[in-house]
């Protein structure tokens, strides 16, 4: 992303995000006090997951000025607040019903500090299929390596290796942590290895060249991604 594009994005604000964040945190605190049995966790990541759930289901309201804030605030009503809170509770229940791997305490964040210019990587996106049925493959372990070493992810919510699921159509994603830049650009040799019980292991090699940048990428950039060709696993002959 160009510097001007980043600056434009920074000047645009979705004020609904503020409303959702406030509503999610308030309702988590209320439910905690009520000690409702379905609330199993209210850690920061669970709250973030709930916030994302709600934001994907409410109407965004973008502003670039104080006048925009006034217009949005003047259009608020009780019904819209109730509707949002209903979606928040729904999201809280769904988030608390799904066990995520970083809740077991074994997954650590990547706390490496980098100073100066860095290499940022695109989001790698792909999918795994059964080579006979062409259906998405569930419970395939997908590992991303660079020059023979497993890649570090930007934070603990990104798994490497990760596991494919049918409810996400056998897809996988990786977002590699930024690395300190020594030259203007550098080429990385990546390998994706996919294994699954009863199937032959498959590897896919590819090269990505990245340029140095003056900011560390700490979230997904939808305009900076690389789609990996679909990978097909075939059953073992004696399986």
Protein backbone atom coordinates (compact mmCIF):
# COMPACT_ATOMS: atom_id res chain seq x y z
CA UNK A 1 0.00 0.00 0.00
CA UNK A 2 1.30 3.46 -0.92
CA UNK A 3 1.94 6.09 1.74
CA UNK A 4 -0.85 8.34 0.39
CA UNK A 5 -3.31 5.45 0.53
CA UNK A 6 -2.42 4.72 4.17
CA UNK A 7 -2.86 8.41 5.02
CA UNK A 8 -6.28 8.48 3.34
CA UNK A 9 -7.43 5.42 5.28
CA UNK A 10 -6.22 6.93 8.55
CA UNK A 11 -8.40 10.04 7.95
CA UNK A 12 -11.55 7.97 7.41
CA UNK A 13 -13.19 6.63 10.55
CA UNK A 14 -16.07 4.23 11.02
CA UNK A 15 -17.80 5.67 14.07
CA UNK A 16 -19.81 2.46 14.43
CA UNK A 17 -16.58 0.83 15.63
CA UNK A 18 -16.58 3.10 18.69
CA UNK A 19 -20.19 2.24 19.47
CA UNK A 20 -19.57 -1.50 19.08
CA UNK A 21 -16.43 -1.52 21.23
CA UNK A 22 -18.22 0.34 24.02
CA UNK A 23 -21.30 -1.89 23.80
CA UNK A 24 -19.28 -5.13 23.79
CA UNK A 25 -17.19 -4.16 26.82
CA UNK A 26 -20.24 -2.92 28.76
CA UNK A 27 -22.20 -6.12 28.11
CA UNK A 28 -19.25 -8.35 29.02
CA UNK A 29 -19.03 -6.55 32.36
CA UNK A 30 -22.80 -6.85 32.93
CA UNK A 31 -22.85 -10.57 32.13
CA UNK A 32 -19.84 -11.16 34.39
CA UNK A 33 -21.70 -9.56 37.30
CA UNK A 34 -24.75 -11.70 36.58
CA UNK A 35 -22.53 -14.82 36.54
CA UNK A 36 -24.38 -16.37 33.63
CA UNK A 37 -23.16 -19.95 33.02
CA UNK A 38 -22.57 -19.55 29.28
CA UNK A 39 -19.88 -16.89 29.81
CA UNK A 40 -16.76 -19.06 30.05
CA UNK A 41 -14.18 -16.43 29.12
CA UNK A 42 -13.98 -12.65 28.74
CA UNK A 43 -10.30 -12.30 27.84
CA UNK A 44 -9.23 -9.44 25.51
CA UNK A 45 -9.12 -11.77 22.50
CA UNK A 46 -12.67 -13.05 23.13
CA UNK A 47 -13.83 -9.46 23.30
CA UNK A 48 -12.05 -8.65 20.04
CA UNK A 49 -13.63 -11.69 18.39
CA UNK A 50 -17.03 -10.48 19.56
CA UNK A 51 -16.35 -6.98 18.28
CA UNK A 52 -15.49 -8.40 14.83
CA UNK A 53 -18.62 -10.55 14.87
CA UNK A 54 -20.80 -7.50 15.55
CA UNK A 55 -19.04 -5.20 13.07
CA UNK A 56 -19.66 -7.74 10.31
CA UNK A 57 -23.41 -7.52 11.03
CA UNK A 58 -24.10 -3.83 11.58
CA UNK A 59 -24.12 -0.89 9.20
CA UNK A 60 -20.86 1.09 9.10
CA UNK A 61 -21.00 4.88 9.47
CA UNK A 62 -17.96 6.59 8.01
CA UNK A 63 -16.91 10.14 8.87
CA UNK A 64 -14.07 12.49 8.00
CA UNK A 65 -15.07 15.56 10.01
CA UNK A 66 -16.69 16.86 13.18
CA UNK A 67 -19.82 17.63 11.21
CA UNK A 68 -20.00 13.94 10.32
CA UNK A 69 -19.87 13.03 14.01
CA UNK A 70 -22.72 15.41 14.81
CA UNK A 71 -24.82 14.01 11.98
CA UNK A 72 -24.34 10.42 13.12
CA UNK A 73 -25.02 11.19 16.78
CA UNK A 74 -28.20 13.09 15.95
CA UNK A 75 -29.53 10.11 13.96
CA UNK A 76 -29.14 7.57 16.80
CA UNK A 77 -32.29 6.06 18.33
CA UNK A 78 -33.22 3.62 21.07
CA UNK A 79 -34.18 0.86 18.64
CA UNK A 80 -30.76 0.87 16.94
CA UNK A 81 -29.07 0.56 20.33
CA UNK A 82 -31.29 -2.40 21.29
CA UNK A 83 -30.64 -4.07 17.93
CA UNK A 84 -26.88 -3.71 18.39
CA UNK A 85 -26.98 -5.11 21.92
CA UNK A 86 -28.94 -8.12 20.65
CA UNK A 87 -26.21 -8.85 18.11
CA UNK A 88 -23.53 -8.33 20.77
CA UNK A 89 -25.07 -10.94 23.08
CA UNK A 90 -25.43 -13.30 20.15
CA UNK A 91 -21.75 -12.81 19.31
CA UNK A 92 -20.68 -13.31 22.93
CA UNK A 93 -22.49 -16.65 23.08
CA UNK A 94 -21.00 -17.86 19.80
CA UNK A 95 -17.46 -16.80 20.75
CA UNK A 96 -17.79 -18.53 24.12
CA UNK A 97 -19.06 -21.71 22.49
CA UNK A 98 -16.01 -22.14 20.25
CA UNK A 99 -12.67 -23.27 21.69
CA UNK A 100 -9.72 -21.47 20.11
CA UNK A 101 -6.15 -22.87 20.25
CA UNK A 102 -4.60 -19.85 21.95
CA UNK A 103 -6.83 -20.33 25.00
CA UNK A 104 -4.80 -23.28 26.25
CA UNK A 105 -1.88 -21.04 27.13
CA UNK A 106 0.63 -22.92 24.97
CA UNK A 107 0.61 -20.43 22.09
CA UNK A 108 2.83 -17.43 22.68
CA UNK A 109 2.85 -14.08 20.97
CA UNK A 110 5.74 -12.99 18.78
CA UNK A 111 7.29 -10.27 20.95
CA UNK A 112 10.33 -9.61 18.76
CA UNK A 113 11.02 -5.87 18.56
CA UNK A 114 12.24 -4.44 15.27
CA UNK A 115 13.74 -1.01 14.79
CA UNK A 116 14.19 0.74 11.47
CA UNK A 117 12.98 -0.41 8.07
CA UNK A 118 11.39 -3.82 7.63
CA UNK A 119 10.12 -6.34 5.12
CA UNK A 120 6.36 -6.85 5.26
CA UNK A 121 4.73 -9.92 3.75
CA UNK A 122 1.44 -10.42 1.92
CA UNK A 123 -1.29 -12.52 3.46
CA UNK A 124 -0.97 -16.01 2.02
CA UNK A 125 -4.35 -17.54 1.18
CA UNK A 126 -5.08 -21.04 -0.11
CA UNK A 127 -7.28 -24.11 0.14
CA UNK A 128 -6.83 -27.88 0.39
CA UNK A 129 -9.01 -30.45 -1.39
CA UNK A 130 -9.45 -34.20 -1.64
CA UNK A 131 -7.82 -35.19 -4.92
CA UNK A 132 -10.49 -37.81 -5.68
CA UNK A 133 -13.73 -36.08 -4.71
CA UNK A 134 -12.53 -32.48 -5.15
CA UNK A 135 -14.29 -31.66 -1.88
CA UNK A 136 -12.66 -29.37 0.74
CA UNK A 137 -10.44 -31.41 3.06
CA UNK A 138 -11.00 -31.18 6.81
CA UNK A 139 -8.31 -31.57 9.50
CA UNK A 140 -5.38 -31.14 7.12
CA UNK A 141 -2.32 -29.67 8.83
CA UNK A 142 -0.81 -26.83 6.80
CA UNK A 143 2.67 -25.54 7.68
CA UNK A 144 4.43 -22.52 6.18
CA UNK A 145 8.24 -22.51 6.06
CA UNK A 146 10.85 -20.12 4.67
CA UNK A 147 14.29 -21.40 3.77
CA UNK A 148 13.61 -24.58 5.75
CA UNK A 149 12.41 -22.90 8.97
CA UNK A 150 8.84 -22.53 10.22
CA UNK A 151 7.67 -18.95 9.79
CA UNK A 152 6.70 -16.76 12.74
CA UNK A 153 3.24 -15.19 12.51
CA UNK A 154 2.37 -11.59 13.39
CA UNK A 155 0.70 -12.69 16.64
CA UNK A 156 -0.64 -15.71 18.50
CA UNK A 157 -4.05 -15.59 16.81
CA UNK A 158 -2.43 -16.72 13.55
CA UNK A 159 -1.50 -20.39 13.73
CA UNK A 160 1.44 -22.10 12.02
CA UNK A 161 0.76 -24.90 11.41
CA UNK A 162 -2.96 -24.35 11.02
CA UNK A 163 -5.75 -26.86 10.43
CA UNK A 164 -8.35 -26.75 7.67
CA UNK A 165 -12.08 -26.98 8.41
CA UNK A 166 -15.11 -27.81 6.31
CA UNK A 167 -16.97 -24.73 7.56
CA UNK A 168 -14.28 -22.58 5.92
CA UNK A 169 -14.15 -24.71 2.76
CA UNK A 170 -10.72 -26.17 3.46
CA UNK A 171 -9.05 -22.77 3.37
CA UNK A 172 -5.98 -21.57 5.25
CA UNK A 173 -4.28 -18.20 5.76
CA UNK A 174 -0.88 -17.09 6.99
CA UNK A 175 0.40 -13.62 7.87
CA UNK A 176 4.15 -13.70 8.47
CA UNK A 177 5.74 -11.39 11.03
CA UNK A 178 7.74 -8.47 9.66
CA UNK A 179 11.51 -8.89 9.46
CA UNK A 180 14.31 -6.34 9.69
CA UNK A 181 15.38 -5.10 6.26
CA UNK A 182 19.03 -5.07 5.28
CA UNK A 183 18.67 -4.25 1.58
CA UNK A 184 16.12 -2.49 -0.61
CA UNK A 185 14.50 -5.83 -1.38
CA UNK A 186 14.83 -9.52 -0.62
CA UNK A 187 13.50 -12.75 -2.10
CA UNK A 188 12.18 -15.48 0.21
CA UNK A 189 11.77 -19.12 -0.75
CA UNK A 190 8.60 -20.39 0.90
CA UNK A 191 7.32 -23.94 1.24
CA UNK A 192 3.81 -24.99 2.19
CA UNK A 193 3.54 -28.53 3.51
CA UNK A 194 0.14 -30.20 3.86
CA UNK A 195 -0.45 -33.48 5.63
CA UNK A 196 -3.59 -35.35 6.68
CA UNK A 197 -4.28 -38.79 8.12
CA UNK A 198 -4.74 -41.34 5.34
CA UNK A 199 -3.39 -39.01 2.64
CA UNK A 200 -0.08 -38.46 0.88
CA UNK A 201 1.79 -35.37 2.07
CA UNK A 202 1.99 -32.52 -0.45
CA UNK A 203 4.42 -29.61 -0.64
CA UNK A 204 4.26 -26.44 -2.70
CA UNK A 205 7.25 -24.13 -3.21
CA UNK A 206 7.08 -20.48 -4.23
CA UNK A 207 9.21 -17.34 -4.10
CA UNK A 208 8.13 -13.89 -2.91
CA UNK A 209 10.17 -10.71 -3.29
CA UNK A 210 9.44 -7.96 -0.77
CA UNK A 211 10.65 -4.37 -0.58
CA UNK A 212 11.73 -2.55 2.57
CA UNK A 213 9.17 -0.30 4.22
CA UNK A 214 9.21 2.17 7.11
CA UNK A 215 6.31 0.68 9.08
CA UNK A 216 5.62 -2.69 10.71
CA UNK A 217 2.52 -4.46 9.47
CA UNK A 218 0.45 -5.58 12.45
CA UNK A 219 -2.88 -6.42 10.79
CA UNK A 220 -4.34 -7.79 7.58
CA UNK A 221 -4.13 -5.60 4.49
CA UNK A 222 -6.84 -6.79 2.09
CA UNK A 223 -5.03 -5.23 -0.88
CA UNK A 224 -1.77 -7.08 -0.18
CA UNK A 225 -2.37 -10.80 -0.48
CA UNK A 226 -1.11 -13.77 -2.46
CA UNK A 227 -3.41 -16.61 -3.46
CA UNK A 228 -1.69 -19.99 -3.42
CA UNK A 229 -2.83 -22.48 -6.10
CA UNK A 230 -5.34 -25.04 -4.80
CA UNK A 231 -3.60 -28.06 -3.27
CA UNK A 232 -4.96 -31.61 -3.70
CA UNK A 233 -4.21 -34.51 -1.40
CA UNK A 234 -4.67 -38.10 -2.60
CA UNK A 235 -5.49 -41.04 -0.32
CA UNK A 236 -2.68 -43.47 0.48
CA UNK A 237 -2.95 -46.67 -1.51
CA UNK A 238 -3.12 -48.85 1.61
CA UNK A 239 -5.44 -46.49 3.54
